[in-house]
Amino acid sequence: MAHQTDPRALCLEATEAAATLLALPVVGERWEEPSALVGMTVGALSAHLVRAAGAVIAYLDRTDPETQPESPDDLLTPITYFHAALDSPIHEQIKDASASESEIGAEAMAEKCRALVETMSERFATEPPDRLVGALGGRLLSLDDFCRTRLIEVLMHVDDLAASVDVEMPETDPEGRAIVIDILMGIARHLNGDWAVLHALARSERSDADGVFPVF
């Protein structure tokens, strides 16, 4: 597998992996069963996965291409995006929204994801390198950084879905996983401080690991 460093290409690949997984018959067979995520059925998890991937197109459509921040320091990064998102009330609505969206069924959801892959491919190729998107109440971050946030959402939930239906995680570029690890480590450092993270990784006898991980 040729490694990709372009976050748009990696985001597209992750969404293609989601589409491949969603098309498996076993997903439809277990649609109403509990998933690996507490409080979500396989169908609700699938709907949440597709919504998470599709957010990049939704935010592109909502953001004027000419929009610029007052200062470069005002831009969110993948780490500050997730830190802000943790306090967002949307998390209280996710389970209900996902359950409702899952009512279209497995076949329609797989088709929705395949269509999203095509749309992503077309849009990513035409958007300029400095394109910004507005998220979390209109706060701006670069399209590439938003694609990095999608790697966390999509790859982790593809893994959740694979575990839910007892199949192997689809193969994807390890560079995408490396980006996810970097961001999650950055979030852990932001939330807990460097020494707490170092102790969790290398000094378990002095670690309160439950307070450091998981961070997502």
N, C-alpha and C. Protein backbone atom coordinates (compact mmCIF):
# COMPACT_ATOMS: atom_id res chain seq x y z
N MET A 1 0.84 -1.20 0.00
CA MET A 1 0.00 0.00 0.00
C MET A 1 0.88 1.25 0.00
N ALA A 2 0.65 2.15 -0.95
CA ALA A 2 1.39 3.40 -1.00
C ALA A 2 0.86 4.34 0.08
N HIS A 3 1.77 4.90 0.88
CA HIS A 3 1.35 5.75 1.97
C HIS A 3 0.95 7.13 1.46
N GLN A 4 -0.11 7.68 2.06
CA GLN A 4 -0.61 9.01 1.73
C GLN A 4 -0.29 9.94 2.89
N THR A 5 0.12 11.16 2.58
CA THR A 5 0.28 12.17 3.62
C THR A 5 -0.77 13.26 3.49
N ASP A 6 -1.54 13.25 2.43
CA ASP A 6 -2.58 14.23 2.20
C ASP A 6 -3.79 13.90 3.07
N PRO A 7 -4.15 14.76 4.03
CA PRO A 7 -5.28 14.43 4.91
C PRO A 7 -6.60 14.26 4.16
N ARG A 8 -6.75 14.94 3.03
CA ARG A 8 -7.99 14.77 2.26
C ARG A 8 -8.04 13.35 1.68
N ALA A 9 -6.92 12.88 1.14
CA ALA A 9 -6.88 11.53 0.59
C ALA A 9 -7.09 10.49 1.68
N LEU A 10 -6.52 10.73 2.85
CA LEU A 10 -6.69 9.79 3.95
C LEU A 10 -8.12 9.77 4.46
N CYS A 11 -8.75 10.93 4.51
CA CYS A 11 -10.16 11.02 4.91
C CYS A 11 -11.04 10.29 3.91
N LEU A 12 -10.75 10.47 2.63
CA LEU A 12 -11.50 9.77 1.59
C LEU A 12 -11.33 8.27 1.72
N GLU A 13 -10.09 7.82 1.94
CA GLU A 13 -9.83 6.39 2.09
C GLU A 13 -10.59 5.81 3.28
N ALA A 14 -10.61 6.55 4.39
CA ALA A 14 -11.31 6.07 5.58
C ALA A 14 -12.81 5.94 5.31
N THR A 15 -13.36 6.89 4.56
CA THR A 15 -14.78 6.83 4.24
C THR A 15 -15.07 5.70 3.27
N GLU A 16 -14.16 5.42 2.35
CA GLU A 16 -14.31 4.27 1.47
C GLU A 16 -14.32 2.97 2.28
N ALA A 17 -13.46 2.91 3.31
CA ALA A 17 -13.45 1.73 4.18
C ALA A 17 -14.78 1.57 4.89
N ALA A 18 -15.35 2.70 5.31
CA ALA A 18 -16.67 2.65 5.95
C ALA A 18 -17.72 2.12 4.99
N ALA A 19 -17.68 2.59 3.74
CA ALA A 19 -18.65 2.14 2.75
C ALA A 19 -18.52 0.64 2.48
N THR A 20 -17.29 0.16 2.43
CA THR A 20 -17.04 -1.27 2.22
C THR A 20 -17.62 -2.10 3.36
N LEU A 21 -17.39 -1.62 4.59
CA LEU A 21 -17.89 -2.35 5.76
C LEU A 21 -19.41 -2.32 5.81
N LEU A 22 -19.99 -1.16 5.55
CA LEU A 22 -21.45 -1.03 5.62
C LEU A 22 -22.16 -1.92 4.61
N ALA A 23 -21.49 -2.25 3.52
CA ALA A 23 -22.10 -3.08 2.47
C ALA A 23 -22.12 -4.56 2.81
N LEU A 24 -21.43 -4.96 3.88
CA LEU A 24 -21.41 -6.37 4.24
C LEU A 24 -22.79 -6.81 4.73
N PRO A 25 -23.28 -7.97 4.29
CA PRO A 25 -24.61 -8.44 4.72
C PRO A 25 -24.76 -8.53 6.23
N VAL A 26 -23.67 -8.86 6.94
CA VAL A 26 -23.77 -9.05 8.38
C VAL A 26 -24.17 -7.76 9.09
N VAL A 27 -23.84 -6.61 8.51
CA VAL A 27 -24.23 -5.34 9.13
C VAL A 27 -25.75 -5.22 9.13
N GLY A 28 -26.37 -5.52 8.00
CA GLY A 28 -27.82 -5.49 7.93
C GLY A 28 -28.48 -6.52 8.82
N GLU A 29 -27.85 -7.70 8.90
CA GLU A 29 -28.41 -8.77 9.73
C GLU A 29 -28.43 -8.40 11.21
N ARG A 30 -27.48 -7.57 11.63
CA ARG A 30 -27.38 -7.20 13.04
C ARG A 30 -27.82 -5.75 13.31
N TRP A 31 -28.51 -5.17 12.36
CA TRP A 31 -28.85 -3.75 12.39
C TRP A 31 -29.50 -3.32 13.71
N GLU A 32 -30.37 -4.13 14.24
CA GLU A 32 -31.11 -3.77 15.46
C GLU A 32 -30.45 -4.28 16.73
N GLU A 33 -29.32 -4.96 16.61
CA GLU A 33 -28.64 -5.48 17.79
C GLU A 33 -27.75 -4.42 18.43
N PRO A 34 -27.41 -4.58 19.71
CA PRO A 34 -26.50 -3.63 20.36
C PRO A 34 -25.14 -3.63 19.67
N SER A 35 -24.53 -2.46 19.59
CA SER A 35 -23.20 -2.34 19.01
C SER A 35 -22.15 -2.35 20.11
N ALA A 36 -20.90 -2.16 19.72
CA ALA A 36 -19.81 -2.08 20.69
C ALA A 36 -19.85 -0.80 21.50
N LEU A 37 -20.62 0.18 21.06
CA LEU A 37 -20.78 1.43 21.79
C LEU A 37 -22.05 1.35 22.64
N VAL A 38 -21.91 1.57 23.92
CA VAL A 38 -23.05 1.47 24.84
C VAL A 38 -24.14 2.45 24.44
N GLY A 39 -25.37 1.93 24.37
CA GLY A 39 -26.51 2.79 24.07
C GLY A 39 -26.79 2.96 22.60
N MET A 40 -26.02 2.31 21.73
CA MET A 40 -26.24 2.41 20.29
C MET A 40 -26.41 1.03 19.69
N THR A 41 -27.38 0.87 18.81
CA THR A 41 -27.48 -0.34 18.02
C THR A 41 -26.45 -0.28 16.89
N VAL A 42 -26.29 -1.39 16.21
CA VAL A 42 -25.42 -1.42 15.02
C VAL A 42 -25.91 -0.39 14.00
N GLY A 43 -27.21 -0.29 13.84
CA GLY A 43 -27.76 0.68 12.89
C GLY A 43 -27.47 2.12 13.30
N ALA A 44 -27.63 2.42 14.59
CA ALA A 44 -27.37 3.78 15.07
C ALA A 44 -25.90 4.13 14.94
N LEU A 45 -25.02 3.18 15.24
CA LEU A 45 -23.59 3.40 15.08
C LEU A 45 -23.26 3.66 13.61
N SER A 46 -23.87 2.90 12.72
CA SER A 46 -23.64 3.09 11.29
C SER A 46 -24.08 4.48 10.85
N ALA A 47 -25.24 4.91 11.33
CA ALA A 47 -25.73 6.23 10.98
C ALA A 47 -24.81 7.31 11.51
N HIS A 48 -24.33 7.14 12.74
CA HIS A 48 -23.41 8.11 13.33
C HIS A 48 -22.11 8.17 12.54
N LEU A 49 -21.62 7.03 12.11
CA LEU A 49 -20.40 6.96 11.31
C LEU A 49 -20.55 7.75 10.02
N VAL A 50 -21.65 7.53 9.31
CA VAL A 50 -21.85 8.22 8.03
C VAL A 50 -22.05 9.72 8.25
N ARG A 51 -22.75 10.09 9.30
CA ARG A 51 -22.92 11.51 9.61
C ARG A 51 -21.58 12.17 9.93
N ALA A 52 -20.76 11.47 10.71
CA ALA A 52 -19.45 12.01 11.08
C ALA A 52 -18.58 12.24 9.85
N ALA A 53 -18.60 11.28 8.94
CA ALA A 53 -17.83 11.44 7.71
C ALA A 53 -18.39 12.56 6.85
N GLY A 54 -19.71 12.63 6.77
CA GLY A 54 -20.37 13.62 5.92
C GLY A 54 -20.27 15.04 6.42
N ALA A 55 -19.85 15.22 7.68
CA ALA A 55 -19.76 16.57 8.23
C ALA A 55 -18.82 17.44 7.43
N VAL A 56 -17.79 16.84 6.84
CA VAL A 56 -16.84 17.65 6.09
C VAL A 56 -17.51 18.31 4.89
N ILE A 57 -18.41 17.62 4.21
CA ILE A 57 -19.14 18.22 3.09
C ILE A 57 -20.18 19.21 3.60
N ALA A 58 -20.85 18.87 4.69
CA ALA A 58 -21.86 19.76 5.26
C ALA A 58 -21.24 21.10 5.64
N TYR A 59 -20.08 21.06 6.28
CA TYR A 59 -19.44 22.32 6.70
C TYR A 59 -18.87 23.08 5.50
N LEU A 60 -18.39 22.37 4.50
CA LEU A 60 -17.95 23.05 3.27
C LEU A 60 -19.10 23.82 2.65
N ASP A 61 -20.27 23.19 2.59
CA ASP A 61 -21.42 23.83 1.97
C ASP A 61 -21.91 25.03 2.75
N ARG A 62 -21.71 25.01 4.08
CA ARG A 62 -22.21 26.10 4.92
C ARG A 62 -21.25 27.27 5.02
N THR A 63 -20.00 27.10 4.60
CA THR A 63 -18.98 28.12 4.81
C THR A 63 -18.68 28.85 3.52
N ASP A 64 -18.82 30.16 3.54
CA ASP A 64 -18.47 31.00 2.41
C ASP A 64 -16.98 30.82 2.10
N PRO A 65 -16.63 30.46 0.86
CA PRO A 65 -15.21 30.24 0.53
C PRO A 65 -14.32 31.45 0.80
N GLU A 66 -14.93 32.64 0.86
CA GLU A 66 -14.14 33.85 1.09
C GLU A 66 -13.93 34.16 2.56
N THR A 67 -14.56 33.39 3.44
CA THR A 67 -14.46 33.65 4.88
C THR A 67 -13.03 33.47 5.36
N GLN A 68 -12.56 34.46 6.13
CA GLN A 68 -11.23 34.40 6.71
C GLN A 68 -11.30 34.81 8.17
N PRO A 69 -10.40 34.29 9.01
CA PRO A 69 -10.39 34.68 10.42
C PRO A 69 -9.81 36.07 10.59
N GLU A 70 -10.16 36.73 11.68
CA GLU A 70 -9.57 38.04 11.96
C GLU A 70 -8.07 37.91 12.20
N SER A 71 -7.66 36.79 12.78
CA SER A 71 -6.25 36.52 13.04
C SER A 71 -5.99 35.04 12.85
N PRO A 72 -4.80 34.66 12.35
CA PRO A 72 -4.48 33.23 12.23
C PRO A 72 -4.58 32.51 13.56
N ASP A 73 -4.39 33.24 14.67
CA ASP A 73 -4.48 32.61 15.99
C ASP A 73 -5.91 32.20 16.34
N ASP A 74 -6.89 32.71 15.58
CA ASP A 74 -8.28 32.37 15.84
C ASP A 74 -8.68 31.01 15.27
N LEU A 75 -7.82 30.44 14.43
CA LEU A 75 -8.15 29.15 13.81
C LEU A 75 -8.07 28.02 14.83
N LEU A 76 -9.05 27.12 14.77
CA LEU A 76 -8.99 25.89 15.55
C LEU A 76 -7.94 24.96 14.94
N THR A 77 -7.39 24.11 15.76
CA THR A 77 -6.56 22.99 15.32
C THR A 77 -7.34 21.71 15.60
N PRO A 78 -6.89 20.57 15.10
CA PRO A 78 -7.61 19.33 15.46
C PRO A 78 -7.73 19.12 16.96
N ILE A 79 -6.70 19.49 17.71
CA ILE A 79 -6.74 19.31 19.17
C ILE A 79 -7.71 20.27 19.81
N THR A 80 -7.63 21.56 19.48
CA THR A 80 -8.55 22.52 20.09
C THR A 80 -9.97 22.32 19.60
N TYR A 81 -10.14 21.77 18.38
CA TYR A 81 -11.48 21.44 17.90
C TYR A 81 -12.14 20.43 18.82
N PHE A 82 -11.44 19.35 19.13
CA PHE A 82 -12.03 18.31 19.98
C PHE A 82 -12.20 18.79 21.42
N HIS A 83 -11.27 19.63 21.88
CA HIS A 83 -11.42 20.16 23.23
C HIS A 83 -12.70 20.99 23.32
N ALA A 84 -12.96 21.80 22.29
CA ALA A 84 -14.19 22.60 22.27
C ALA A 84 -15.41 21.71 22.09
N ALA A 85 -15.27 20.66 21.29
CA ALA A 85 -16.41 19.78 21.01
C ALA A 85 -16.86 19.00 22.24
N LEU A 86 -15.92 18.74 23.16
CA LEU A 86 -16.28 18.00 24.37
C LEU A 86 -17.34 18.72 25.19
N ASP A 87 -17.35 20.04 25.10
CA ASP A 87 -18.32 20.83 25.86
C ASP A 87 -19.58 21.16 25.06
N SER A 88 -19.65 20.64 23.83
CA SER A 88 -20.79 20.97 22.98
C SER A 88 -22.02 20.16 23.39
N PRO A 89 -23.20 20.80 23.43
CA PRO A 89 -24.42 20.06 23.78
C PRO A 89 -24.82 19.02 22.74
N ILE A 90 -24.19 19.03 21.57
CA ILE A 90 -24.56 18.08 20.53
C ILE A 90 -24.36 16.65 20.98
N HIS A 91 -23.42 16.42 21.91
CA HIS A 91 -23.16 15.05 22.36
C HIS A 91 -24.37 14.44 23.06
N GLU A 92 -25.19 15.28 23.64
CA GLU A 92 -26.39 14.76 24.29
C GLU A 92 -27.44 14.33 23.27
N GLN A 93 -27.31 14.81 22.04
CA GLN A 93 -28.32 14.54 21.02
C GLN A 93 -27.90 13.43 20.06
N ILE A 94 -26.63 13.02 20.12
CA ILE A 94 -26.10 12.11 19.11
C ILE A 94 -26.84 10.78 19.07
N LYS A 95 -27.08 10.18 20.24
CA LYS A 95 -27.69 8.86 20.25
C LYS A 95 -29.10 8.89 19.67
N ASP A 96 -29.88 9.89 20.05
CA ASP A 96 -31.25 9.98 19.52
C ASP A 96 -31.24 10.22 18.02
N ALA A 97 -30.38 11.15 17.57
CA ALA A 97 -30.31 11.47 16.14
C ALA A 97 -29.85 10.26 15.34
N SER A 98 -28.87 9.53 15.86
CA SER A 98 -28.35 8.36 15.15
C SER A 98 -29.40 7.26 15.05
N ALA A 99 -30.15 7.05 16.14
CA ALA A 99 -31.21 6.04 16.11
C ALA A 99 -32.26 6.39 15.07
N SER A 100 -32.62 7.67 15.01
CA SER A 100 -33.62 8.12 14.04
C SER A 100 -33.12 7.95 12.61
N GLU A 101 -31.88 8.34 12.36
CA GLU A 101 -31.32 8.27 11.00
C GLU A 101 -31.11 6.83 10.54
N SER A 102 -30.97 5.90 11.49
CA SER A 102 -30.76 4.50 11.13
C SER A 102 -32.01 3.84 10.56
N GLU A 103 -33.15 4.51 10.68
CA GLU A 103 -34.41 3.92 10.24
C GLU A 103 -34.47 3.68 8.74
N ILE A 104 -33.57 4.30 7.97
CA ILE A 104 -33.57 4.06 6.52
C ILE A 104 -33.08 2.66 6.19
N GLY A 105 -32.41 2.00 7.13
CA GLY A 105 -31.96 0.62 6.93
C GLY A 105 -30.54 0.52 6.40
N ALA A 106 -30.02 -0.69 6.45
CA ALA A 106 -28.61 -0.93 6.13
C ALA A 106 -28.28 -0.66 4.67
N GLU A 107 -29.12 -1.12 3.77
CA GLU A 107 -28.82 -0.96 2.34
C GLU A 107 -28.78 0.50 1.95
N ALA A 108 -29.76 1.27 2.41
CA ALA A 108 -29.80 2.70 2.09
C ALA A 108 -28.63 3.44 2.74
N MET A 109 -28.24 3.02 3.94
CA MET A 109 -27.12 3.68 4.61
C MET A 109 -25.82 3.41 3.87
N ALA A 110 -25.64 2.17 3.39
CA ALA A 110 -24.45 1.85 2.61
C ALA A 110 -24.41 2.67 1.32
N GLU A 111 -25.55 2.83 0.68
CA GLU A 111 -25.62 3.63 -0.54
C GLU A 111 -25.32 5.10 -0.24
N LYS A 112 -25.82 5.58 0.88
CA LYS A 112 -25.54 6.96 1.29
C LYS A 112 -24.04 7.18 1.48
N CYS A 113 -23.36 6.21 2.06
CA CYS A 113 -21.93 6.32 2.28
C CYS A 113 -21.17 6.26 0.96
N ARG A 114 -21.61 5.41 0.04
CA ARG A 114 -20.96 5.33 -1.27
C ARG A 114 -21.11 6.66 -2.02
N ALA A 115 -22.29 7.26 -1.93
CA ALA A 115 -22.50 8.56 -2.58
C ALA A 115 -21.62 9.63 -1.94
N LEU A 116 -21.43 9.55 -0.63
CA LEU A 116 -20.57 10.49 0.07
C LEU A 116 -19.13 10.38 -0.41
N VAL A 117 -18.67 9.17 -0.64
CA VAL A 117 -17.32 8.96 -1.17
C VAL A 117 -17.16 9.68 -2.51
N GLU A 118 -18.13 9.55 -3.38
CA GLU A 118 -18.06 10.21 -4.69
C GLU A 118 -18.05 11.72 -4.55
N THR A 119 -18.89 12.24 -3.66
CA THR A 119 -18.94 13.69 -3.45
C THR A 119 -17.62 14.20 -2.87
N MET A 120 -17.09 13.49 -1.89
CA MET A 120 -15.80 13.88 -1.31
C MET A 120 -14.71 13.94 -2.38
N SER A 121 -14.64 12.90 -3.20
CA SER A 121 -13.61 12.83 -4.23
C SER A 121 -13.68 14.04 -5.15
N GLU A 122 -14.88 14.42 -5.53
CA GLU A 122 -15.05 15.57 -6.43
C GLU A 122 -14.71 16.88 -5.73
N ARG A 123 -15.20 17.06 -4.50
CA ARG A 123 -15.01 18.32 -3.81
C ARG A 123 -13.56 18.54 -3.37
N PHE A 124 -12.94 17.50 -2.84
CA PHE A 124 -11.57 17.65 -2.35
C PHE A 124 -10.62 18.04 -3.47
N ALA A 125 -10.90 17.57 -4.67
CA ALA A 125 -10.03 17.86 -5.81
C ALA A 125 -10.13 19.32 -6.26
N THR A 126 -11.23 19.98 -5.93
CA THR A 126 -11.44 21.34 -6.44
C THR A 126 -11.24 22.42 -5.38
N GLU A 127 -11.19 22.05 -4.11
CA GLU A 127 -11.03 23.05 -3.05
C GLU A 127 -9.57 23.46 -2.93
N PRO A 128 -9.29 24.76 -2.79
CA PRO A 128 -7.90 25.23 -2.72
C PRO A 128 -7.21 24.81 -1.43
N PRO A 129 -5.88 24.85 -1.40
CA PRO A 129 -5.13 24.42 -0.22
C PRO A 129 -5.46 25.20 1.05
N ASP A 130 -5.86 26.47 0.89
CA ASP A 130 -6.12 27.31 2.07
C ASP A 130 -7.60 27.38 2.43
N ARG A 131 -8.41 26.48 1.91
CA ARG A 131 -9.85 26.50 2.17
C ARG A 131 -10.14 26.30 3.65
N LEU A 132 -11.03 27.12 4.18
CA LEU A 132 -11.43 27.02 5.58
C LEU A 132 -12.87 26.53 5.68
N VAL A 133 -13.20 25.91 6.80
CA VAL A 133 -14.59 25.53 7.09
C VAL A 133 -14.94 26.05 8.48
N GLY A 134 -16.21 26.34 8.66
CA GLY A 134 -16.70 26.80 9.94
C GLY A 134 -17.39 25.68 10.69
N ALA A 135 -16.94 25.41 11.90
CA ALA A 135 -17.51 24.34 12.72
C ALA A 135 -17.73 24.85 14.13
N LEU A 136 -18.56 24.13 14.89
CA LEU A 136 -18.78 24.48 16.30
C LEU A 136 -19.19 25.94 16.44
N GLY A 137 -20.31 26.27 15.86
CA GLY A 137 -20.79 27.64 15.95
C GLY A 137 -20.09 28.60 15.02
N GLY A 138 -19.49 28.06 13.96
CA GLY A 138 -18.85 28.92 12.97
C GLY A 138 -17.38 29.15 13.19
N ARG A 139 -16.79 28.59 14.25
CA ARG A 139 -15.35 28.75 14.45
C ARG A 139 -14.60 28.05 13.32
N LEU A 140 -13.56 28.68 12.84
CA LEU A 140 -12.91 28.23 11.62
C LEU A 140 -11.71 27.33 11.88
N LEU A 141 -11.53 26.38 10.97
CA LEU A 141 -10.29 25.63 10.88
C LEU A 141 -10.09 25.25 9.42
N SER A 142 -8.87 24.89 9.07
CA SER A 142 -8.60 24.57 7.67
C SER A 142 -9.32 23.28 7.28
N LEU A 143 -9.63 23.17 6.00
CA LEU A 143 -10.26 21.94 5.50
C LEU A 143 -9.37 20.74 5.80
N ASP A 144 -8.06 20.89 5.62
CA ASP A 144 -7.16 19.77 5.89
C ASP A 144 -7.20 19.36 7.36
N ASP A 145 -7.24 20.35 8.26
CA ASP A 145 -7.33 20.00 9.68
C ASP A 145 -8.68 19.37 10.02
N PHE A 146 -9.74 19.83 9.35
CA PHE A 146 -11.02 19.20 9.62
C PHE A 146 -11.02 17.76 9.11
N CYS A 147 -10.35 17.51 7.99
CA CYS A 147 -10.20 16.13 7.51
C CYS A 147 -9.44 15.29 8.53
N ARG A 148 -8.48 15.89 9.22
CA ARG A 148 -7.77 15.16 10.27
C ARG A 148 -8.72 14.80 11.41
N THR A 149 -9.61 15.70 11.77
CA THR A 149 -10.59 15.36 12.81
C THR A 149 -11.51 14.24 12.34
N ARG A 150 -11.81 14.21 11.06
CA ARG A 150 -12.68 13.15 10.53
C ARG A 150 -11.98 11.79 10.59
N LEU A 151 -10.66 11.79 10.48
CA LEU A 151 -9.94 10.53 10.59
C LEU A 151 -10.18 9.88 11.94
N ILE A 152 -10.21 10.69 13.00
CA ILE A 152 -10.51 10.13 14.32
C ILE A 152 -11.92 9.55 14.33
N GLU A 153 -12.88 10.36 13.93
CA GLU A 153 -14.28 9.93 13.96
C GLU A 153 -14.50 8.69 13.09
N VAL A 154 -14.02 8.73 11.86
CA VAL A 154 -14.34 7.66 10.91
C VAL A 154 -13.57 6.38 11.23
N LEU A 155 -12.25 6.49 11.41
CA LEU A 155 -11.48 5.27 11.67
C LEU A 155 -11.89 4.61 12.98
N MET A 156 -12.10 5.40 14.02
CA MET A 156 -12.49 4.79 15.30
C MET A 156 -13.87 4.14 15.21
N HIS A 157 -14.80 4.78 14.50
CA HIS A 157 -16.14 4.20 14.41
C HIS A 157 -16.21 3.06 13.40
N VAL A 158 -15.34 3.06 12.39
CA VAL A 158 -15.24 1.87 11.53
C VAL A 158 -14.75 0.70 12.37
N ASP A 159 -13.77 0.95 13.22
CA ASP A 159 -13.29 -0.10 14.12
C ASP A 159 -14.40 -0.55 15.07
N ASP A 160 -15.17 0.39 15.61
CA ASP A 160 -16.31 0.04 16.47
C ASP A 160 -17.31 -0.84 15.74
N LEU A 161 -17.60 -0.47 14.49
CA LEU A 161 -18.59 -1.22 13.73
C LEU A 161 -18.07 -2.61 13.38
N ALA A 162 -16.79 -2.70 13.01
CA ALA A 162 -16.21 -4.01 12.72
C ALA A 162 -16.28 -4.92 13.95
N ALA A 163 -15.96 -4.36 15.11
CA ALA A 163 -16.03 -5.13 16.35
C ALA A 163 -17.47 -5.55 16.66
N SER A 164 -18.42 -4.68 16.31
CA SER A 164 -19.82 -4.95 16.61
C SER A 164 -20.37 -6.13 15.83
N VAL A 165 -19.84 -6.36 14.63
CA VAL A 165 -20.37 -7.43 13.78
C VAL A 165 -19.35 -8.56 13.58
N ASP A 166 -18.27 -8.50 14.39
CA ASP A 166 -17.27 -9.58 14.41
C ASP A 166 -16.60 -9.83 13.07
N VAL A 167 -16.15 -8.72 12.44
CA VAL A 167 -15.36 -8.85 11.21
C VAL A 167 -14.06 -8.08 11.39
N GLU A 168 -13.12 -8.32 10.49
CA GLU A 168 -11.84 -7.62 10.55
C GLU A 168 -12.02 -6.16 10.15
N MET A 169 -11.25 -5.31 10.80
CA MET A 169 -11.21 -3.90 10.42
C MET A 169 -10.65 -3.79 8.99
N PRO A 170 -11.32 -3.06 8.08
CA PRO A 170 -10.78 -2.89 6.73
C PRO A 170 -9.38 -2.29 6.76
N GLU A 171 -8.53 -2.70 5.86
CA GLU A 171 -7.16 -2.20 5.80
C GLU A 171 -7.15 -0.75 5.32
N THR A 172 -6.43 0.09 6.02
CA THR A 172 -6.27 1.49 5.62
C THR A 172 -4.81 1.89 5.83
N ASP A 173 -4.44 3.02 5.24
CA ASP A 173 -3.08 3.52 5.32
C ASP A 173 -2.69 3.76 6.78
N PRO A 174 -1.55 3.22 7.24
CA PRO A 174 -1.12 3.47 8.62
C PRO A 174 -0.87 4.94 8.93
N GLU A 175 -0.66 5.75 7.91
CA GLU A 175 -0.47 7.18 8.15
C GLU A 175 -1.72 7.80 8.76
N GLY A 176 -2.89 7.31 8.37
CA GLY A 176 -4.13 7.80 8.96
C GLY A 176 -4.18 7.48 10.44
N ARG A 177 -3.78 6.27 10.81
CA ARG A 177 -3.76 5.89 12.22
C ARG A 177 -2.74 6.72 13.00
N ALA A 178 -1.61 7.02 12.35
CA ALA A 178 -0.59 7.84 13.01
C ALA A 178 -1.13 9.23 13.33
N ILE A 179 -1.90 9.79 12.41
CA ILE A 179 -2.51 11.09 12.65
C ILE A 179 -3.48 11.01 13.82
N VAL A 180 -4.28 9.95 13.86
CA VAL A 180 -5.23 9.77 14.97
C VAL A 180 -4.48 9.69 16.30
N ILE A 181 -3.41 8.92 16.34
CA ILE A 181 -2.62 8.79 17.57
C ILE A 181 -2.05 10.14 17.98
N ASP A 182 -1.50 10.88 17.04
CA ASP A 182 -0.92 12.20 17.35
C ASP A 182 -1.96 13.13 17.95
N ILE A 183 -3.16 13.15 17.35
CA ILE A 183 -4.20 14.05 17.86
C ILE A 183 -4.68 13.62 19.23
N LEU A 184 -4.91 12.31 19.40
CA LEU A 184 -5.37 11.83 20.70
C LEU A 184 -4.34 12.08 21.79
N MET A 185 -3.06 11.93 21.46
CA MET A 185 -2.03 12.25 22.43
C MET A 185 -2.04 13.74 22.75
N GLY A 186 -2.26 14.56 21.73
CA GLY A 186 -2.33 16.00 21.96
C GLY A 186 -3.50 16.38 22.85
N ILE A 187 -4.64 15.71 22.64
CA ILE A 187 -5.81 15.97 23.49
C ILE A 187 -5.51 15.55 24.93
N ALA A 188 -4.88 14.38 25.10
CA ALA A 188 -4.55 13.90 26.44
C ALA A 188 -3.61 14.87 27.15
N ARG A 189 -2.63 15.39 26.42
CA ARG A 189 -1.70 16.37 27.01
C ARG A 189 -2.43 17.65 27.39
N HIS A 190 -3.33 18.08 26.50
CA HIS A 190 -4.09 19.30 26.75
C HIS A 190 -4.97 19.17 27.98
N LEU A 191 -5.59 18.02 28.13
CA LEU A 191 -6.54 17.81 29.23
C LEU A 191 -5.86 17.49 30.55
N ASN A 192 -4.72 16.78 30.49
CA ASN A 192 -4.16 16.21 31.71
C ASN A 192 -2.76 16.70 32.06
N GLY A 193 -2.06 17.29 31.10
CA GLY A 193 -0.67 17.69 31.33
C GLY A 193 0.30 16.61 30.88
N ASP A 194 1.51 17.04 30.55
CA ASP A 194 2.49 16.13 29.98
C ASP A 194 2.90 15.01 30.95
N TRP A 195 3.09 15.35 32.23
CA TRP A 195 3.58 14.32 33.15
C TRP A 195 2.54 13.23 33.38
N ALA A 196 1.28 13.58 33.40
CA ALA A 196 0.25 12.55 33.55
C ALA A 196 0.27 11.59 32.37
N VAL A 197 0.49 12.12 31.16
CA VAL A 197 0.56 11.26 29.98
C VAL A 197 1.82 10.40 30.03
N LEU A 198 2.96 10.99 30.38
CA LEU A 198 4.20 10.23 30.47
C LEU A 198 4.10 9.11 31.51
N HIS A 199 3.49 9.42 32.64
CA HIS A 199 3.32 8.38 33.65
C HIS A 199 2.40 7.27 33.16
N ALA A 200 1.33 7.63 32.44
CA ALA A 200 0.41 6.61 31.92
C ALA A 200 1.12 5.69 30.93
N LEU A 201 2.06 6.25 30.16
CA LEU A 201 2.74 5.47 29.14
C LEU A 201 3.96 4.71 29.67
N ALA A 202 4.65 5.29 30.66
CA ALA A 202 5.95 4.73 31.04
C ALA A 202 6.16 4.50 32.52
N ARG A 203 5.26 4.95 33.37
CA ARG A 203 5.42 4.79 34.81
C ARG A 203 4.08 4.42 35.42
N SER A 204 3.62 3.21 35.15
CA SER A 204 2.29 2.81 35.59
C SER A 204 2.15 2.84 37.10
N GLU A 205 3.27 2.66 37.82
CA GLU A 205 3.19 2.68 39.28
C GLU A 205 2.87 4.07 39.84
N ARG A 206 3.07 5.12 39.02
CA ARG A 206 2.74 6.48 39.46
C ARG A 206 1.63 7.10 38.62
N SER A 207 0.91 6.25 37.91
CA SER A 207 -0.06 6.76 36.95
C SER A 207 -1.50 6.62 37.45
N ASP A 208 -2.27 7.65 37.14
CA ASP A 208 -3.73 7.55 37.26
C ASP A 208 -4.27 7.46 35.84
N ALA A 209 -4.01 6.31 35.20
CA ALA A 209 -4.28 6.18 33.76
C ALA A 209 -5.76 6.37 33.44
N ASP A 210 -6.65 5.99 34.37
CA ASP A 210 -8.07 6.13 34.09
C ASP A 210 -8.46 7.58 33.88
N GLY A 211 -7.68 8.50 34.47
CA GLY A 211 -7.98 9.92 34.29
C GLY A 211 -7.37 10.51 33.05
N VAL A 212 -6.52 9.75 32.36
CA VAL A 212 -5.82 10.24 31.17
C VAL A 212 -6.39 9.62 29.89
N PHE A 213 -6.61 8.33 29.93
CA PHE A 213 -7.14 7.60 28.77
C PHE A 213 -8.41 6.85 29.17
N PRO A 214 -9.38 6.68 28.30
CA PRO A 214 -9.42 7.21 26.94
C PRO A 214 -9.79 8.69 26.92
N VAL A 215 -9.39 9.35 25.84
CA VAL A 215 -9.70 10.78 25.71
C VAL A 215 -10.76 11.03 24.64
N PHE A 216 -11.22 9.96 23.98
CA PHE A 216 -12.23 10.12 22.93
C PHE A 216 -13.21 8.97 23.01
